[in-house]
PDB file of N, CA and C in Angstrom:
ATOM      1  N   MET A   1      23.952 -22.432 -21.447  1.00  0.00           N
ATOM      2  CA  MET A   1      22.907 -21.631 -21.358  1.00  0.00           C
ATOM      3  C   MET A   1      21.492 -22.300 -21.555  1.00  0.00           C
ATOM      4  N   GLY A   2      21.456 -23.295 -22.529  1.00  0.00           N
ATOM      5  CA  GLY A   2      20.317 -24.049 -22.737  1.00  0.00           C
ATOM      6  C   GLY A   2      19.684 -24.744 -21.534  1.00  0.00           C
ATOM      7  N   LYS A   3      20.738 -25.509 -20.802  1.00  0.00           N
ATOM      8  CA  LYS A   3      20.409 -26.191 -19.635  1.00  0.00           C
ATOM      9  C   LYS A   3      19.843 -25.388 -18.525  1.00  0.00           C
ATOM     10  N   GLY A   4      20.459 -24.246 -18.326  1.00  0.00           N
ATOM     11  CA  GLY A   4      19.929 -23.232 -17.376  1.00  0.00           C
ATOM     12  C   GLY A   4      18.468 -22.833 -17.656  1.00  0.00           C
ATOM     13  N   LEU A   5      18.232 -22.507 -19.010  1.00  0.00           N
ATOM     14  CA  LEU A   5      16.898 -22.244 -19.247  1.00  0.00           C
ATOM     15  C   LEU A   5      15.906 -23.310 -19.050  1.00  0.00           C
ATOM     16  N   ILE A   6      16.355 -24.542 -19.374  1.00  0.00           N
ATOM     17  CA  ILE A   6      15.397 -25.648 -19.040  1.00  0.00           C
ATOM     18  C   ILE A   6      15.227 -25.832 -17.628  1.00  0.00           C
ATOM     19  N   LEU A   7      16.048 -25.511 -16.891  1.00  0.00           N
ATOM     20  CA  LEU A   7      15.909 -25.795 -15.358  1.00  0.00           C
ATOM     21  C   LEU A   7      15.115 -24.762 -14.717  1.00  0.00           C
ATOM     22  N   VAL A   8      15.135 -23.425 -15.422  1.00  0.00           N
ATOM     23  CA  VAL A   8      14.716 -22.256 -14.640  1.00  0.00           C
ATOM     24  C   VAL A   8      12.882 -22.130 -15.218  1.00  0.00           C
ATOM     25  N   LEU A   9      12.782 -22.544 -16.516  1.00  0.00           N
ATOM     26  CA  LEU A   9      11.484 -22.321 -17.100  1.00  0.00           C
ATOM     27  C   LEU A   9      10.387 -22.864 -16.221  1.00  0.00           C
ATOM     28  N   PRO A  10      10.581 -24.255 -15.733  1.00  0.00           N
ATOM     29  CA  PRO A  10       9.444 -24.755 -14.977  1.00  0.00           C
ATOM     30  C   PRO A  10       9.085 -24.078 -13.702  1.00  0.00           C
ATOM     31  N   LEU A  11      10.163 -23.479 -13.288  1.00  0.00           N
ATOM     32  CA  LEU A  11       9.973 -22.444 -11.956  1.00  0.00           C
ATOM     33  C   LEU A  11       9.121 -21.266 -12.211  1.00  0.00           C
ATOM     34  N   LEU A  12       9.481 -20.723 -13.381  1.00  0.00           N
ATOM     35  CA  LEU A  12       8.779 -19.565 -13.859  1.00  0.00           C
ATOM     36  C   LEU A  12       7.278 -19.904 -14.101  1.00  0.00           C
ATOM     37  N   VAL A  13       7.120 -21.044 -14.783  1.00  0.00           N
ATOM     38  CA  VAL A  13       5.656 -21.371 -15.030  1.00  0.00           C
ATOM     39  C   VAL A  13       4.852 -21.626 -13.723  1.00  0.00           C
ATOM     40  N   ALA A  14       5.459 -22.316 -12.778  1.00  0.00           N
ATOM     41  CA  ALA A  14       4.868 -22.674 -11.563  1.00  0.00           C
ATOM     42  C   ALA A  14       4.596 -21.449 -10.683  1.00  0.00           C
ATOM     43  N   ALA A  15       5.519 -20.515 -10.764  1.00  0.00           N
ATOM     44  CA  ALA A  15       5.275 -19.097  -9.920  1.00  0.00           C
ATOM     45  C   ALA A  15       4.195 -18.475 -10.439  1.00  0.00           C
ATOM     46  N   GLY A  16       3.818 -18.548 -11.790  1.00  0.00           N
ATOM     47  CA  GLY A  16       2.688 -17.942 -12.365  1.00  0.00           C
ATOM     48  C   GLY A  16       1.310 -18.576 -11.992  1.00  0.00           C
ATOM     49  N   CYS A  17       1.318 -19.569 -11.295  1.00  0.00           N
ATOM     50  CA  CYS A  17       0.086 -20.341 -10.952  1.00  0.00           C
ATOM     51  C   CYS A  17      -0.586 -19.858  -9.769  1.00  0.00           C
ATOM     52  N   THR A  18      -0.075 -18.981  -8.967  1.00  0.00           N
ATOM     53  CA  THR A  18      -0.747 -18.412  -7.726  1.00  0.00           C
ATOM     54  C   THR A  18      -1.848 -17.452  -8.119  1.00  0.00           C
ATOM     55  N   THR A  19      -2.724 -17.227  -7.418  1.00  0.00           N
ATOM     56  CA  THR A  19      -3.765 -16.324  -7.648  1.00  0.00           C
ATOM     57  C   THR A  19      -3.515 -14.930  -7.149  1.00  0.00           C
ATOM     58  N   THR A  20      -4.036 -13.813  -7.886  1.00  0.00           N
ATOM     59  CA  THR A  20      -3.853 -12.551  -7.409  1.00  0.00           C
ATOM     60  C   THR A  20      -4.310 -12.220  -6.010  1.00  0.00           C
ATOM     61  N   LYS A  21      -5.604 -12.830  -5.733  1.00  0.00           N
ATOM     62  CA  LYS A  21      -6.203 -12.675  -4.593  1.00  0.00           C
ATOM     63  C   LYS A  21      -5.427 -13.232  -3.220  1.00  0.00           C
ATOM     64  N   GLY A  22      -4.908 -14.339  -3.511  1.00  0.00           N
ATOM     65  CA  GLY A  22      -4.177 -14.907  -2.402  1.00  0.00           C
ATOM     66  C   GLY A  22      -2.900 -14.274  -2.279  1.00  0.00           C
ATOM     67  N   GLY A  23      -2.191 -14.105  -3.411  1.00  0.00           N
ATOM     68  CA  GLY A  23      -0.875 -13.463  -3.241  1.00  0.00           C
ATOM     69  C   GLY A  23      -0.964 -12.149  -2.584  1.00  0.00           C
ATOM     70  N   PHE A  24      -1.609 -11.096  -3.069  1.00  0.00           N
ATOM     71  CA  PHE A  24      -1.761  -9.864  -2.474  1.00  0.00           C
ATOM     72  C   PHE A  24      -2.317  -9.863  -1.209  1.00  0.00           C
ATOM     73  N   CYS A  25      -3.265 -10.673  -0.768  1.00  0.00           N
ATOM     74  CA  CYS A  25      -3.776 -10.571   0.545  1.00  0.00           C
ATOM     75  C   CYS A  25      -2.843 -11.276   1.567  1.00  0.00           C
ATOM     76  N   ALA A  26      -2.028 -12.120   1.161  1.00  0.00           N
ATOM     77  CA  ALA A  26      -0.982 -12.878   2.151  1.00  0.00           C
ATOM     78  C   ALA A  26       0.323 -11.824   2.243  1.00  0.00           C
ATOM     79  N   VAL A  27       0.612 -10.965   1.363  1.00  0.00           N
ATOM     80  CA  VAL A  27       1.743 -10.296   1.564  1.00  0.00           C
ATOM     81  C   VAL A  27       1.435  -8.724   1.830  1.00  0.00           C
ATOM     82  N   SER A  28       0.110  -8.280   1.818  1.00  0.00           N
ATOM     83  CA  SER A  28      -0.134  -6.944   1.829  1.00  0.00           C
ATOM     84  C   SER A  28      -0.892  -6.499   3.109  1.00  0.00           C
ATOM     85  N   ALA A  29      -0.999  -5.287   3.499  1.00  0.00           N
ATOM     86  CA  ALA A  29      -1.728  -4.895   4.710  1.00  0.00           C
ATOM     87  C   ALA A  29      -2.146  -3.440   4.360  1.00  0.00           C
ATOM     88  N   PRO A  30      -3.138  -2.903   4.909  1.00  0.00           N
ATOM     89  CA  PRO A  30      -3.735  -1.641   4.610  1.00  0.00           C
ATOM     90  C   PRO A  30      -2.630  -0.617   4.994  1.00  0.00           C
ATOM     91  N   LEU A  31      -2.530   0.467   4.266  1.00  0.00           N
ATOM     92  CA  LEU A  31      -1.491   1.491   4.605  1.00  0.00           C
ATOM     93  C   LEU A  31      -2.278   2.781   5.378  1.00  0.00           C
ATOM     94  N   ARG A  32      -1.813   2.908   6.593  1.00  0.00           N
ATOM     95  CA  ARG A  32      -2.393   3.867   7.543  1.00  0.00           C
ATOM     96  C   ARG A  32      -1.347   4.933   7.864  1.00  0.00           C
ATOM     97  N   LEU A  33      -1.749   6.151   7.703  1.00  0.00           N
ATOM     98  CA  LEU A  33      -0.699   7.148   7.951  1.00  0.00           C
ATOM     99  C   LEU A  33      -1.134   8.054   9.117  1.00  0.00           C
ATOM    100  N   SER A  34      -0.322   8.878   9.718  1.00  0.00           N
ATOM    101  CA  SER A  34      -0.778   9.764  10.555  1.00  0.00           C
ATOM    102  C   SER A  34      -1.250  11.093   9.876  1.00  0.00           C
ATOM    103  N   VAL A  35      -1.819  11.923  10.419  1.00  0.00           N
ATOM    104  CA  VAL A  35      -2.366  13.121   9.845  1.00  0.00           C
ATOM    105  C   VAL A  35      -1.270  14.009   9.374  1.00  0.00           C
ATOM    106  N   LYS A  36      -0.207  14.015  10.019  1.00  0.00           N
ATOM    107  CA  LYS A  36       1.082  14.756   9.619  1.00  0.00           C
ATOM    108  C   LYS A  36       1.615  14.119   8.367  1.00  0.00           C
ATOM    109  N   ALA A  37       1.636  12.853   8.198  1.00  0.00           N
ATOM    110  CA  ALA A  37       2.303  12.044   7.092  1.00  0.00           C
ATOM    111  C   ALA A  37       1.285  12.319   5.884  1.00  0.00           C
ATOM    112  N   VAL A  38       0.007  12.249   6.038  1.00  0.00           N
ATOM    113  CA  VAL A  38      -0.878  12.433   4.985  1.00  0.00           C
ATOM    114  C   VAL A  38      -0.799  14.002   4.432  1.00  0.00           C
ATOM    115  N   ASP A  39      -0.684  14.950   5.323  1.00  0.00           N
ATOM    116  CA  ASP A  39      -0.515  16.340   4.727  1.00  0.00           C
ATOM    117  C   ASP A  39       0.870  16.408   3.909  1.00  0.00           C
ATOM    118  N   ALA A  40       1.830  15.658   4.174  1.00  0.00           N
ATOM    119  CA  ALA A  40       3.200  15.804   3.468  1.00  0.00           C
ATOM    120  C   ALA A  40       3.108  15.023   2.163  1.00  0.00           C
ATOM    121  N   LEU A  41       2.148  14.178   1.818  1.00  0.00           N
ATOM    122  CA  LEU A  41       2.073  13.362   0.506  1.00  0.00           C
ATOM    123  C   LEU A  41       1.832  14.199  -0.807  1.00  0.00           C
ATOM    124  N   SER A  42       2.480  13.873  -1.725  1.00  0.00           N
ATOM    125  CA  SER A  42       2.143  14.428  -3.025  1.00  0.00           C
ATOM    126  C   SER A  42       0.931  13.892  -3.636  1.00  0.00           C
ATOM    127  N   ASP A  43       0.357  14.508  -4.600  1.00  0.00           N
ATOM    128  CA  ASP A  43      -0.904  13.947  -5.144  1.00  0.00           C
ATOM    129  C   ASP A  43      -0.792  12.543  -5.639  1.00  0.00           C
ATOM    130  N   ARG A  44       0.407  12.482  -6.243  1.00  0.00           N
ATOM    131  CA  ARG A  44       0.741  11.123  -6.880  1.00  0.00           C
ATOM    132  C   ARG A  44       0.834  10.148  -5.777  1.00  0.00           C
ATOM    133  N   GLU A  45       1.516  10.253  -4.607  1.00  0.00           N
ATOM    134  CA  GLU A  45       1.608   9.461  -3.499  1.00  0.00           C
ATOM    135  C   GLU A  45       0.211   9.109  -2.898  1.00  0.00           C
ATOM    136  N   ALA A  46      -0.533  10.030  -2.838  1.00  0.00           N
ATOM    137  CA  ALA A  46      -1.831   9.954  -2.209  1.00  0.00           C
ATOM    138  C   ALA A  46      -2.786   9.100  -3.147  1.00  0.00           C
ATOM    139  N   ARG A  47      -2.745   9.168  -4.486  1.00  0.00           N
ATOM    140  CA  ARG A  47      -3.485   8.305  -5.437  1.00  0.00           C
ATOM    141  C   ARG A  47      -2.972   6.866  -5.171  1.00  0.00           C
ATOM    142  N   ALA A  48      -1.662   6.634  -5.277  1.00  0.00           N
ATOM    143  CA  ALA A  48      -0.925   5.413  -5.110  1.00  0.00           C
ATOM    144  C   ALA A  48      -1.541   4.677  -3.703  1.00  0.00           C
ATOM    145  N   LEU A  49      -1.641   5.429  -2.681  1.00  0.00           N
ATOM    146  CA  LEU A  49      -1.975   4.897  -1.309  1.00  0.00           C
ATOM    147  C   LEU A  49      -3.401   4.480  -1.328  1.00  0.00           C
ATOM    148  N   LEU A  50      -4.342   5.398  -2.110  1.00  0.00           N
ATOM    149  CA  LEU A  50      -5.608   5.123  -2.027  1.00  0.00           C
ATOM    150  C   LEU A  50      -5.893   3.907  -3.076  1.00  0.00           C
ATOM    151  N   ALA A  51      -5.254   3.816  -4.132  1.00  0.00           N
ATOM    152  CA  ALA A  51      -5.290   2.685  -4.977  1.00  0.00           C
ATOM    153  C   ALA A  51      -5.015   1.415  -4.292  1.00  0.00           C
ATOM    154  N   HIS A  52      -3.923   1.291  -3.504  1.00  0.00           N
ATOM    155  CA  HIS A  52      -3.447   0.127  -2.739  1.00  0.00           C
ATOM    156  C   HIS A  52      -4.677  -0.324  -1.736  1.00  0.00           C
ATOM    157  N   ASN A  53      -5.091   0.685  -1.047  1.00  0.00           N
ATOM    158  CA  ASN A  53      -6.102   0.399   0.091  1.00  0.00           C
ATOM    159  C   ASN A  53      -7.588  -0.119  -0.663  1.00  0.00           C
ATOM    160  N   ARG A  54      -7.894   0.540  -1.816  1.00  0.00           N
ATOM    161  CA  ARG A  54      -8.984   0.100  -2.520  1.00  0.00           C
ATOM    162  C   ARG A  54      -8.997  -1.281  -2.969  1.00  0.00           C
ATOM    163  N   LYS A  55      -7.811  -1.586  -3.464  1.00  0.00           N
ATOM    164  CA  LYS A  55      -7.444  -2.951  -4.058  1.00  0.00           C
ATOM    165  C   LYS A  55      -7.725  -3.929  -2.810  1.00  0.00           C
ATOM    166  N   GLY A  56      -7.076  -3.586  -1.643  1.00  0.00           N
ATOM    167  CA  GLY A  56      -7.277  -4.473  -0.693  1.00  0.00           C
ATOM    168  C   GLY A  56      -8.615  -4.610  -0.120  1.00  0.00           C
ATOM    169  N   GLN A  57      -9.507  -3.579  -0.163  1.00  0.00           N
ATOM    170  CA  GLN A  57     -10.976  -3.608   0.262  1.00  0.00           C
ATOM    171  C   GLN A  57     -11.553  -4.573  -0.764  1.00  0.00           C
ATOM    172  N   GLU A  58     -11.351  -4.411  -1.974  1.00  0.00           N
ATOM    173  CA  GLU A  58     -12.037  -5.206  -3.083  1.00  0.00           C
ATOM    174  C   GLU A  58     -11.596  -6.787  -2.882  1.00  0.00           C
ATOM    175  N   LEU A  59     -10.313  -6.954  -2.858  1.00  0.00           N
ATOM    176  CA  LEU A  59      -9.864  -8.387  -2.948  1.00  0.00           C
ATOM    177  C   LEU A  59      -9.838  -9.136  -1.458  1.00  0.00           C
ATOM    178  N   CYS A  60      -9.379  -8.252  -0.378  1.00  0.00           N
ATOM    179  CA  CYS A  60      -9.122  -8.939   0.807  1.00  0.00           C
ATOM    180  C   CYS A  60     -10.206  -8.725   1.895  1.00  0.00           C
ATOM    181  N   GLY A  61     -11.055  -7.792   1.590  1.00  0.00           N
ATOM    182  CA  GLY A  61     -12.194  -7.326   2.561  1.00  0.00           C
ATOM    183  C   GLY A  61     -11.795  -6.381   3.674  1.00  0.00           C
ATOM    184  N   TRP A  62     -10.695  -5.651   3.323  1.00  0.00           N
ATOM    185  CA  TRP A  62     -10.129  -4.782   4.348  1.00  0.00           C
ATOM    186  C   TRP A  62     -11.156  -3.579   4.650  1.00  0.00           C
ATOM    187  N   ARG A  63     -11.206  -3.395   5.911  1.00  0.00           N
ATOM    188  CA  ARG A  63     -12.285  -2.342   6.371  1.00  0.00           C
ATOM    189  C   ARG A  63     -11.490  -1.038   6.734  1.00  0.00           C
ATOM    190  N   PRO A  64     -12.234   0.163   6.313  1.00  0.00           N
ATOM    191  CA  PRO A  64     -11.532   1.325   6.729  1.00  0.00           C
ATOM    192  C   PRO A  64     -11.377   1.491   8.107  1.00  0.00           C
TER     193      PRO A  64
END
């Protein structure tokens, strides 16, 4: 088990070196829903979707 940890630890450390801005913008896109889908959202889902899109506006320059 000690050897496995020694081999995995550098990979975990290296994975932590990416920036949030580059990582999020590279793998995310704005969430856009139809009017019908928006009407079906719970308040919790609507808040999560809005938070995701606002984060993208701030970090990635997404436009509404």
